[in-house]
Amino acid sequence: MLFYCQFTWFPGTNRAQVAQRVVQQHDAGKNNPERIRGWYNLVGGGAGFLLVDYDDPKQLTAFLQPYMDLMSFDVRAITENRYDEQIEQLRSVAQQMT
């Protein structure tokens, strides 16, 4: 299942702390890069989001916990919509309403 994991650094967290933790987790083999489908930072720094693929929410929690002293997370399960298929489904719903 795909998860959207928005993160925001806590006040007082700095780039060096985040860099050290990310590298530490990477070197320990705990970042699971094969599960990260996208990693985006917001312009200005201190926030962004990950798109990650986990079947077990407990594994996702274990992945995020080592960062929870540096940043907060808002995690949501997401589904992908294929545009053409979604339009057809919405067209059907709209027609049922008329």
PDB file of N, CA and C in Angstrom:
ATOM      1  N   MET A   1       0.843  -1.168   0.000  1.00  0.00           N
ATOM      2  CA  MET A   1       0.000   0.000   0.000  1.00  0.00           C
ATOM      3  C   MET A   1       0.894   1.239   0.000  1.00  0.00           C
ATOM      4  N   LEU A   2       0.423   2.250  -0.697  1.00  0.00           N
ATOM      5  CA  LEU A   2       1.193   3.480  -0.817  1.00  0.00           C
ATOM      6  C   LEU A   2       0.782   4.453   0.288  1.00  0.00           C
ATOM      7  N   PHE A   3       1.774   5.076   0.916  1.00  0.00           N
ATOM      8  CA  PHE A   3       1.536   6.032   1.990  1.00  0.00           C
ATOM      9  C   PHE A   3       2.192   7.365   1.665  1.00  0.00           C
ATOM     10  N   TYR A   4       1.473   8.435   1.976  1.00  0.00           N
ATOM     11  CA  TYR A   4       1.965   9.803   1.884  1.00  0.00           C
ATOM     12  C   TYR A   4       2.387  10.190   3.297  1.00  0.00           C
ATOM     13  N   CYS A   5       3.656  10.503   3.471  1.00  0.00           N
ATOM     14  CA  CYS A   5       4.204  10.819   4.795  1.00  0.00           C
ATOM     15  C   CYS A   5       4.759  12.240   4.768  1.00  0.00           C
ATOM     16  N   GLN A   6       3.927  13.185   5.178  1.00  0.00           N
ATOM     17  CA  GLN A   6       4.353  14.584   5.227  1.00  0.00           C
ATOM     18  C   GLN A   6       5.165  14.794   6.497  1.00  0.00           C
ATOM     19  N   PHE A   7       6.293  15.484   6.363  1.00  0.00           N
ATOM     20  CA  PHE A   7       7.117  15.744   7.541  1.00  0.00           C
ATOM     21  C   PHE A   7       7.385  17.229   7.695  1.00  0.00           C
ATOM     22  N   THR A   8       7.512  17.641   8.955  1.00  0.00           N
ATOM     23  CA  THR A   8       7.876  19.014   9.306  1.00  0.00           C
ATOM     24  C   THR A   8       8.886  18.944  10.444  1.00  0.00           C
ATOM     25  N   TRP A   9      10.025  19.580  10.257  1.00  0.00           N
ATOM     26  CA  TRP A   9      11.041  19.594  11.303  1.00  0.00           C
ATOM     27  C   TRP A   9      10.511  20.344  12.521  1.00  0.00           C
ATOM     28  N   PHE A  10      10.864  19.847  13.699  1.00  0.00           N
ATOM     29  CA  PHE A  10      10.530  20.553  14.933  1.00  0.00           C
ATOM     30  C   PHE A  10      11.370  21.822  15.035  1.00  0.00           C
ATOM     31  N   PRO A  11      10.849  22.874  15.702  1.00  0.00           N
ATOM     32  CA  PRO A  11      11.665  24.071  15.923  1.00  0.00           C
ATOM     33  C   PRO A  11      12.982  23.687  16.606  1.00  0.00           C
ATOM     34  N   GLY A  12      14.062  24.250  16.128  1.00  0.00           N
ATOM     35  CA  GLY A  12      15.383  23.958  16.685  1.00  0.00           C
ATOM     36  C   GLY A  12      16.113  22.832  15.975  1.00  0.00           C
ATOM     37  N   THR A  13      15.407  22.063  15.151  1.00  0.00           N
ATOM     38  CA  THR A  13      16.065  21.012  14.365  1.00  0.00           C
ATOM     39  C   THR A  13      16.827  21.682  13.231  1.00  0.00           C
ATOM     40  N   ASN A  14      18.046  21.219  13.002  1.00  0.00           N
ATOM     41  CA  ASN A  14      18.834  21.831  11.930  1.00  0.00           C
ATOM     42  C   ASN A  14      19.227  20.792  10.880  1.00  0.00           C
ATOM     43  N   ARG A  15      19.746  21.305   9.780  1.00  0.00           N
ATOM     44  CA  ARG A  15      20.095  20.454   8.637  1.00  0.00           C
ATOM     45  C   ARG A  15      21.132  19.396   8.997  1.00  0.00           C
ATOM     46  N   ALA A  16      22.105  19.763   9.820  1.00  0.00           N
ATOM     47  CA  ALA A  16      23.158  18.814  10.202  1.00  0.00           C
ATOM     48  C   ALA A  16      22.572  17.639  10.988  1.00  0.00           C
ATOM     49  N   GLN A  17      21.617  17.902  11.870  1.00  0.00           N
ATOM     50  CA  GLN A  17      20.994  16.821  12.638  1.00  0.00           C
ATOM     51  C   GLN A  17      20.240  15.866  11.721  1.00  0.00           C
ATOM     52  N   VAL A  18      19.484  16.428  10.798  1.00  0.00           N
ATOM     53  CA  VAL A  18      18.715  15.595   9.873  1.00  0.00           C
ATOM     54  C   VAL A  18      19.669  14.810   8.981  1.00  0.00           C
ATOM     55  N   ALA A  19      20.696  15.469   8.457  1.00  0.00           N
ATOM     56  CA  ALA A  19      21.664  14.788   7.595  1.00  0.00           C
ATOM     57  C   ALA A  19      22.329  13.636   8.335  1.00  0.00           C
ATOM     58  N   GLN A  20      22.741  13.885   9.560  1.00  0.00           N
ATOM     59  CA  GLN A  20      23.400  12.831  10.343  1.00  0.00           C
ATOM     60  C   GLN A  20      22.467  11.639  10.538  1.00  0.00           C
ATOM     61  N   ARG A  21      21.199  11.886  10.874  1.00  0.00           N
ATOM     62  CA  ARG A  21      20.264  10.795  11.127  1.00  0.00           C
ATOM     63  C   ARG A  21      19.956   9.997   9.855  1.00  0.00           C
ATOM     64  N   VAL A  22      19.764  10.710   8.747  1.00  0.00           N
ATOM     65  CA  VAL A  22      19.465  10.020   7.487  1.00  0.00           C
ATOM     66  C   VAL A  22      20.628   9.122   7.096  1.00  0.00           C
ATOM     67  N   VAL A  23      21.848   9.643   7.179  1.00  0.00           N
ATOM     68  CA  VAL A  23      23.032   8.843   6.822  1.00  0.00           C
ATOM     69  C   VAL A  23      23.204   7.685   7.800  1.00  0.00           C
ATOM     70  N   GLN A  24      22.989   7.935   9.079  1.00  0.00           N
ATOM     71  CA  GLN A  24      23.095   6.874  10.090  1.00  0.00           C
ATOM     72  C   GLN A  24      22.118   5.734   9.780  1.00  0.00           C
ATOM     73  N   GLN A  25      20.873   6.080   9.485  1.00  0.00           N
ATOM     74  CA  GLN A  25      19.867   5.053   9.181  1.00  0.00           C
ATOM     75  C   GLN A  25      20.196   4.347   7.868  1.00  0.00           C
ATOM     76  N   HIS A  26      20.689   5.095   6.894  1.00  0.00           N
ATOM     77  CA  HIS A  26      21.082   4.496   5.615  1.00  0.00           C
ATOM     78  C   HIS A  26      22.217   3.492   5.820  1.00  0.00           C
ATOM     79  N   ASP A  27      23.266   3.921   6.525  1.00  0.00           N
ATOM     80  CA  ASP A  27      24.420   3.039   6.744  1.00  0.00           C
ATOM     81  C   ASP A  27      24.057   1.797   7.543  1.00  0.00           C
ATOM     82  N   ALA A  28      23.017   1.899   8.378  1.00  0.00           N
ATOM     83  CA  ALA A  28      22.547   0.741   9.149  1.00  0.00           C
ATOM     84  C   ALA A  28      21.590  -0.134   8.335  1.00  0.00           C
ATOM     85  N   GLY A  29      21.300   0.268   7.097  1.00  0.00           N
ATOM     86  CA  GLY A  29      20.409  -0.510   6.237  1.00  0.00           C
ATOM     87  C   GLY A  29      18.940  -0.411   6.625  1.00  0.00           C
ATOM     88  N   LYS A  30      18.561   0.689   7.293  1.00  0.00           N
ATOM     89  CA  LYS A  30      17.197   0.804   7.817  1.00  0.00           C
ATOM     90  C   LYS A  30      16.301   1.772   7.045  1.00  0.00           C
ATOM     91  N   ASN A  31      16.823   2.430   6.018  1.00  0.00           N
ATOM     92  CA  ASN A  31      15.985   3.361   5.260  1.00  0.00           C
ATOM     93  C   ASN A  31      15.152   2.677   4.173  1.00  0.00           C
ATOM     94  N   ASN A  32      15.474   1.461   3.841  1.00  0.00           N
ATOM     95  CA  ASN A  32      14.705   0.700   2.849  1.00  0.00           C
ATOM     96  C   ASN A  32      14.432   1.508   1.575  1.00  0.00           C
ATOM     97  N   PRO A  33      15.484   1.937   0.864  1.00  0.00           N
ATOM     98  CA  PRO A  33      15.274   2.789  -0.303  1.00  0.00           C
ATOM     99  C   PRO A  33      14.399   2.150  -1.380  1.00  0.00           C
ATOM    100  N   GLU A  34      14.323   0.828  -1.407  1.00  0.00           N
ATOM    101  CA  GLU A  34      13.465   0.160  -2.392  1.00  0.00           C
ATOM    102  C   GLU A  34      11.982   0.417  -2.122  1.00  0.00           C
ATOM    103  N   ARG A  35      11.650   0.873  -0.922  1.00  0.00           N
ATOM    104  CA  ARG A  35      10.254   1.171  -0.562  1.00  0.00           C
ATOM    105  C   ARG A  35       9.900   2.648  -0.757  1.00  0.00           C
ATOM    106  N   ILE A  36      10.910   3.486  -0.973  1.00  0.00           N
ATOM    107  CA  ILE A  36      10.674   4.917  -1.149  1.00  0.00           C
ATOM    108  C   ILE A  36      10.411   5.184  -2.630  1.00  0.00           C
ATOM    109  N   ARG A  37       9.173   5.538  -2.932  1.00  0.00           N
ATOM    110  CA  ARG A  37       8.788   5.813  -4.327  1.00  0.00           C
ATOM    111  C   ARG A  37       9.025   7.268  -4.702  1.00  0.00           C
ATOM    112  N   GLY A  38       9.127   8.126  -3.712  1.00  0.00           N
ATOM    113  CA  GLY A  38       9.401   9.536  -3.965  1.00  0.00           C
ATOM    114  C   GLY A  38       9.783  10.234  -2.666  1.00  0.00           C
ATOM    115  N   TRP A  39      10.701  11.192  -2.769  1.00  0.00           N
ATOM    116  CA  TRP A  39      11.157  11.962  -1.605  1.00  0.00           C
ATOM    117  C   TRP A  39      11.260  13.413  -2.065  1.00  0.00           C
ATOM    118  N   TYR A  40      10.446  14.265  -1.471  1.00  0.00           N
ATOM    119  CA  TYR A  40      10.344  15.649  -1.910  1.00  0.00           C
ATOM    120  C   TYR A  40      10.511  16.588  -0.722  1.00  0.00           C
ATOM    121  N   ASN A  41      11.305  17.625  -0.918  1.00  0.00           N
ATOM    122  CA  ASN A  41      11.458  18.676   0.083  1.00  0.00           C
ATOM    123  C   ASN A  41      10.738  19.927  -0.418  1.00  0.00           C
ATOM    124  N   LEU A  42      10.137  20.665   0.503  1.00  0.00           N
ATOM    125  CA  LEU A  42       9.494  21.912   0.134  1.00  0.00           C
ATOM    126  C   LEU A  42      10.544  23.014   0.045  1.00  0.00           C
ATOM    127  N   VAL A  43      10.339  23.942  -0.859  1.00  0.00           N
ATOM    128  CA  VAL A  43      11.246  25.064  -1.023  1.00  0.00           C
ATOM    129  C   VAL A  43      11.301  25.827   0.294  1.00  0.00           C
ATOM    130  N   GLY A  44      12.491  26.171   0.716  1.00  0.00           N
ATOM    131  CA  GLY A  44      12.683  26.869   1.980  1.00  0.00           C
ATOM    132  C   GLY A  44      13.177  25.951   3.083  1.00  0.00           C
ATOM    133  N   GLY A  45      12.991  24.652   2.907  1.00  0.00           N
ATOM    134  CA  GLY A  45      13.517  23.682   3.857  1.00  0.00           C
ATOM    135  C   GLY A  45      12.628  23.445   5.066  1.00  0.00           C
ATOM    136  N   GLY A  46      12.969  22.411   5.799  1.00  0.00           N
ATOM    137  CA  GLY A  46      12.293  22.106   7.043  1.00  0.00           C
ATOM    138  C   GLY A  46      11.001  21.338   6.905  1.00  0.00           C
ATOM    139  N   ALA A  47      10.634  20.960   5.690  1.00  0.00           N
ATOM    140  CA  ALA A  47       9.387  20.229   5.473  1.00  0.00           C
ATOM    141  C   ALA A  47       9.435  19.534   4.121  1.00  0.00           C
ATOM    142  N   GLY A  48       8.567  18.578   3.962  1.00  0.00           N
ATOM    143  CA  GLY A  48       8.465  17.854   2.706  1.00  0.00           C
ATOM    144  C   GLY A  48       7.598  16.628   2.883  1.00  0.00           C
ATOM    145  N   PHE A  49       7.759  15.673   1.977  1.00  0.00           N
ATOM    146  CA  PHE A  49       6.995  14.445   2.102  1.00  0.00           C
ATOM    147  C   PHE A  49       7.683  13.292   1.375  1.00  0.00           C
ATOM    148  N   LEU A  50       7.330  12.112   1.811  1.00  0.00           N
ATOM    149  CA  LEU A  50       7.789  10.865   1.200  1.00  0.00           C
ATOM    150  C   LEU A  50       6.570  10.120   0.676  1.00  0.00           C
ATOM    151  N   LEU A  51       6.727   9.411  -0.418  1.00  0.00           N
ATOM    152  CA  LEU A  51       5.756   8.426  -0.873  1.00  0.00           C
ATOM    153  C   LEU A  51       6.435   7.081  -0.680  1.00  0.00           C
ATOM    154  N   VAL A  52       5.883   6.242   0.187  1.00  0.00           N
ATOM    155  CA  VAL A  52       6.512   4.966   0.502  1.00  0.00           C
ATOM    156  C   VAL A  52       5.519   3.835   0.333  1.00  0.00           C
ATOM    157  N   ASP A  53       6.037   2.672   0.018  1.00  0.00           N
ATOM    158  CA  ASP A  53       5.214   1.500  -0.245  1.00  0.00           C
ATOM    159  C   ASP A  53       5.474   0.447   0.824  1.00  0.00           C
ATOM    160  N   TYR A  54       4.499   0.233   1.690  1.00  0.00           N
ATOM    161  CA  TYR A  54       4.593  -0.777   2.753  1.00  0.00           C
ATOM    162  C   TYR A  54       3.301  -1.570   2.798  1.00  0.00           C
ATOM    163  N   ASP A  55       3.399  -2.884   2.971  1.00  0.00           N
ATOM    164  CA  ASP A  55       2.219  -3.723   3.142  1.00  0.00           C
ATOM    165  C   ASP A  55       1.744  -3.717   4.589  1.00  0.00           C
ATOM    166  N   ASP A  56       2.657  -3.505   5.503  1.00  0.00           N
ATOM    167  CA  ASP A  56       2.359  -3.578   6.928  1.00  0.00           C
ATOM    168  C   ASP A  56       2.585  -2.218   7.576  1.00  0.00           C
ATOM    169  N   PRO A  57       1.522  -1.579   8.100  1.00  0.00           N
ATOM    170  CA  PRO A  57       1.697  -0.271   8.739  1.00  0.00           C
ATOM    171  C   PRO A  57       2.687  -0.296   9.904  1.00  0.00           C
ATOM    172  N   LYS A  58       2.860  -1.438  10.544  1.00  0.00           N
ATOM    173  CA  LYS A  58       3.839  -1.526  11.631  1.00  0.00           C
ATOM    174  C   LYS A  58       5.256  -1.360  11.097  1.00  0.00           C
ATOM    175  N   GLN A  59       5.519  -1.879   9.906  1.00  0.00           N
ATOM    176  CA  GLN A  59       6.835  -1.698   9.288  1.00  0.00           C
ATOM    177  C   GLN A  59       7.056  -0.235   8.922  1.00  0.00           C
ATOM    178  N   LEU A  60       5.999   0.423   8.463  1.00  0.00           N
ATOM    179  CA  LEU A  60       6.109   1.852   8.158  1.00  0.00           C
ATOM    180  C   LEU A  60       6.421   2.643   9.425  1.00  0.00           C
ATOM    181  N   THR A  61       5.734   2.325  10.510  1.00  0.00           N
ATOM    182  CA  THR A  61       5.986   3.004  11.782  1.00  0.00           C
ATOM    183  C   THR A  61       7.431   2.794  12.216  1.00  0.00           C
ATOM    184  N   ALA A  62       7.932   1.564  12.089  1.00  0.00           N
ATOM    185  CA  ALA A  62       9.321   1.275  12.459  1.00  0.00           C
ATOM    186  C   ALA A  62      10.304   2.080  11.601  1.00  0.00           C
ATOM    187  N   PHE A  63       9.966   2.304  10.342  1.00  0.00           N
ATOM    188  CA  PHE A  63      10.801   3.098   9.443  1.00  0.00           C
ATOM    189  C   PHE A  63      10.834   4.572   9.882  1.00  0.00           C
ATOM    190  N   LEU A  64       9.690   5.104  10.319  1.00  0.00           N
ATOM    191  CA  LEU A  64       9.601   6.526  10.666  1.00  0.00           C
ATOM    192  C   LEU A  64      10.074   6.847  12.083  1.00  0.00           C
ATOM    193  N   GLN A  65       9.935   5.922  13.004  1.00  0.00           N
ATOM    194  CA  GLN A  65      10.224   6.207  14.417  1.00  0.00           C
ATOM    195  C   GLN A  65      11.614   6.780  14.692  1.00  0.00           C
ATOM    196  N   PRO A  66      12.675   6.324  14.030  1.00  0.00           N
ATOM    197  CA  PRO A  66      13.991   6.895  14.337  1.00  0.00           C
ATOM    198  C   PRO A  66      14.118   8.388  14.031  1.00  0.00           C
ATOM    199  N   TYR A  67      13.152   8.951  13.315  1.00  0.00           N
ATOM    200  CA  TYR A  67      13.190  10.372  12.963  1.00  0.00           C
ATOM    201  C   TYR A  67      12.249  11.214  13.818  1.00  0.00           C
ATOM    202  N   MET A  68      11.459  10.579  14.653  1.00  0.00           N
ATOM    203  CA  MET A  68      10.378  11.285  15.341  1.00  0.00           C
ATOM    204  C   MET A  68      10.835  12.248  16.433  1.00  0.00           C
ATOM    205  N   ASP A  69      12.097  12.229  16.801  1.00  0.00           N
ATOM    206  CA  ASP A  69      12.591  13.250  17.729  1.00  0.00           C
ATOM    207  C   ASP A  69      13.024  14.512  16.987  1.00  0.00           C
ATOM    208  N   LEU A  70      13.135  14.425  15.663  1.00  0.00           N
ATOM    209  CA  LEU A  70      13.567  15.556  14.849  1.00  0.00           C
ATOM    210  C   LEU A  70      12.421  16.218  14.083  1.00  0.00           C
ATOM    211  N   MET A  71      11.376  15.456  13.800  1.00  0.00           N
ATOM    212  CA  MET A  71      10.305  15.969  12.951  1.00  0.00           C
ATOM    213  C   MET A  71       8.994  15.255  13.251  1.00  0.00           C
ATOM    214  N   SER A  72       7.914  15.924  12.910  1.00  0.00           N
ATOM    215  CA  SER A  72       6.597  15.307  13.040  1.00  0.00           C
ATOM    216  C   SER A  72       6.177  14.759  11.674  1.00  0.00           C
ATOM    217  N   PHE A  73       5.304  13.771  11.708  1.00  0.00           N
ATOM    218  CA  PHE A  73       4.797  13.153  10.494  1.00  0.00           C
ATOM    219  C   PHE A  73       3.277  13.164  10.482  1.00  0.00           C
ATOM    220  N   ASP A  74       2.714  13.410   9.320  1.00  0.00           N
ATOM    221  CA  ASP A  74       1.292  13.228   9.054  1.00  0.00           C
ATOM    222  C   ASP A  74       1.231  12.161   7.978  1.00  0.00           C
ATOM    223  N   VAL A  75       0.745  10.974   8.335  1.00  0.00           N
ATOM    224  CA  VAL A  75       0.787   9.817   7.437  1.00  0.00           C
ATOM    225  C   VAL A  75      -0.624   9.473   6.979  1.00  0.00           C
ATOM    226  N   ARG A  76      -0.769   9.279   5.678  1.00  0.00           N
ATOM    227  CA  ARG A  76      -2.065   8.926   5.095  1.00  0.00           C
ATOM    228  C   ARG A  76      -1.870   7.856   4.033  1.00  0.00           C
ATOM    229  N   ALA A  77      -2.755   6.876   4.053  1.00  0.00           N
ATOM    230  CA  ALA A  77      -2.769   5.865   2.984  1.00  0.00           C
ATOM    231  C   ALA A  77      -3.368   6.523   1.745  1.00  0.00           C
ATOM    232  N   ILE A  78      -2.793   6.237   0.585  1.00  0.00           N
ATOM    233  CA  ILE A  78      -3.285   6.852  -0.647  1.00  0.00           C
ATOM    234  C   ILE A  78      -3.472   5.790  -1.724  1.00  0.00           C
ATOM    235  N   THR A  79      -4.313   6.130  -2.683  1.00  0.00           N
ATOM    236  CA  THR A  79      -4.508   5.289  -3.858  1.00  0.00           C
ATOM    237  C   THR A  79      -4.240   6.128  -5.096  1.00  0.00           C
ATOM    238  N   GLU A  80      -3.805   5.480  -6.140  1.00  0.00           N
ATOM    239  CA  GLU A  80      -3.517   6.171  -7.385  1.00  0.00           C
ATOM    240  C   GLU A  80      -4.750   6.139  -8.276  1.00  0.00           C
ATOM    241  N   ASN A  81      -5.036   7.260  -8.906  1.00  0.00           N
ATOM    242  CA  ASN A  81      -6.115   7.322  -9.886  1.00  0.00           C
ATOM    243  C   ASN A  81      -5.510   7.475 -11.270  1.00  0.00           C
ATOM    244  N   ARG A  82      -5.892   6.610 -12.173  1.00  0.00           N
ATOM    245  CA  ARG A  82      -5.511   6.769 -13.564  1.00  0.00           C
ATOM    246  C   ARG A  82      -6.550   7.705 -14.182  1.00  0.00           C
ATOM    247  N   TYR A  83      -6.086   8.771 -14.778  1.00  0.00           N
ATOM    248  CA  TYR A  83      -6.969   9.854 -15.193  1.00  0.00           C
ATOM    249  C   TYR A  83      -8.143   9.368 -16.043  1.00  0.00           C
ATOM    250  N   ASP A  84      -7.869   8.656 -17.126  1.00  0.00           N
ATOM    251  CA  ASP A  84      -8.947   8.241 -18.033  1.00  0.00           C
ATOM    252  C   ASP A  84      -9.956   7.337 -17.335  1.00  0.00           C
ATOM    253  N   GLU A  85      -9.469   6.403 -16.512  1.00  0.00           N
ATOM    254  CA  GLU A  85     -10.373   5.524 -15.776  1.00  0.00           C
ATOM    255  C   GLU A  85     -11.212   6.322 -14.776  1.00  0.00           C
ATOM    256  N   GLN A  86     -10.602   7.277 -14.117  1.00  0.00           N
ATOM    257  CA  GLN A  86     -11.312   8.091 -13.135  1.00  0.00           C
ATOM    258  C   GLN A  86     -12.402   8.931 -13.801  1.00  0.00           C
ATOM    259  N   ILE A  87     -12.097   9.490 -14.966  1.00  0.00           N
ATOM    260  CA  ILE A  87     -13.093  10.278 -15.694  1.00  0.00           C
ATOM    261  C   ILE A  87     -14.295   9.411 -16.039  1.00  0.00           C
ATOM    262  N   GLU A  88     -14.053   8.198 -16.499  1.00  0.00           N
ATOM    263  CA  GLU A  88     -15.168   7.309 -16.845  1.00  0.00           C
ATOM    264  C   GLU A  88     -16.005   6.957 -15.612  1.00  0.00           C
ATOM    265  N   GLN A  89     -15.354   6.707 -14.502  1.00  0.00           N
ATOM    266  CA  GLN A  89     -16.095   6.415 -13.275  1.00  0.00           C
ATOM    267  C   GLN A  89     -16.908   7.628 -12.837  1.00  0.00           C
ATOM    268  N   LEU A  90     -16.319   8.799 -12.898  1.00  0.00           N
ATOM    269  CA  LEU A  90     -17.028  10.009 -12.511  1.00  0.00           C
ATOM    270  C   LEU A  90     -18.170  10.318 -13.473  1.00  0.00           C
ATOM    271  N   ARG A  91     -17.964  10.026 -14.739  1.00  0.00           N
ATOM    272  CA  ARG A  91     -19.023  10.221 -15.740  1.00  0.00           C
ATOM    273  C   ARG A  91     -20.228   9.339 -15.389  1.00  0.00           C
ATOM    274  N   SER A  92     -19.946   8.098 -15.005  1.00  0.00           N
ATOM    275  CA  SER A  92     -21.010   7.183 -14.619  1.00  0.00           C
ATOM    276  C   SER A  92     -21.761   7.682 -13.391  1.00  0.00           C
ATOM    277  N   VAL A  93     -21.039   8.165 -12.397  1.00  0.00           N
ATOM    278  CA  VAL A  93     -21.672   8.713 -11.184  1.00  0.00           C
ATOM    279  C   VAL A  93     -22.521   9.922 -11.544  1.00  0.00           C
ATOM    280  N   ALA A  94     -21.994  10.807 -12.360  1.00  0.00           N
ATOM    281  CA  ALA A  94     -22.725  12.015 -12.750  1.00  0.00           C
ATOM    282  C   ALA A  94     -23.998  11.667 -13.520  1.00  0.00           C
ATOM    283  N   GLN A  95     -23.941  10.660 -14.388  1.00  0.00           N
ATOM    284  CA  GLN A  95     -25.109  10.257 -15.155  1.00  0.00           C
ATOM    285  C   GLN A  95     -26.188   9.636 -14.260  1.00  0.00           C
ATOM    286  N   GLN A  96     -25.778   8.935 -13.206  1.00  0.00           N
ATOM    287  CA  GLN A  96     -26.740   8.345 -12.298  1.00  0.00           C
ATOM    288  C   GLN A  96     -27.507   9.411 -11.522  1.00  0.00           C
ATOM    289  N   MET A  97     -26.918  10.580 -11.361  1.00  0.00           N
ATOM    290  CA  MET A  97     -27.553  11.648 -10.589  1.00  0.00           C
ATOM    291  C   MET A  97     -28.596  12.403 -11.410  1.00  0.00           C
ATOM    292  N   THR A  98     -28.551  12.282 -12.750  1.00  0.00           N
ATOM    293  CA  THR A  98     -29.509  13.011 -13.601  1.00  0.00           C
ATOM    294  C   THR A  98     -30.701  12.159 -13.972  1.00  0.00           C
TER     295      THR A  98
END
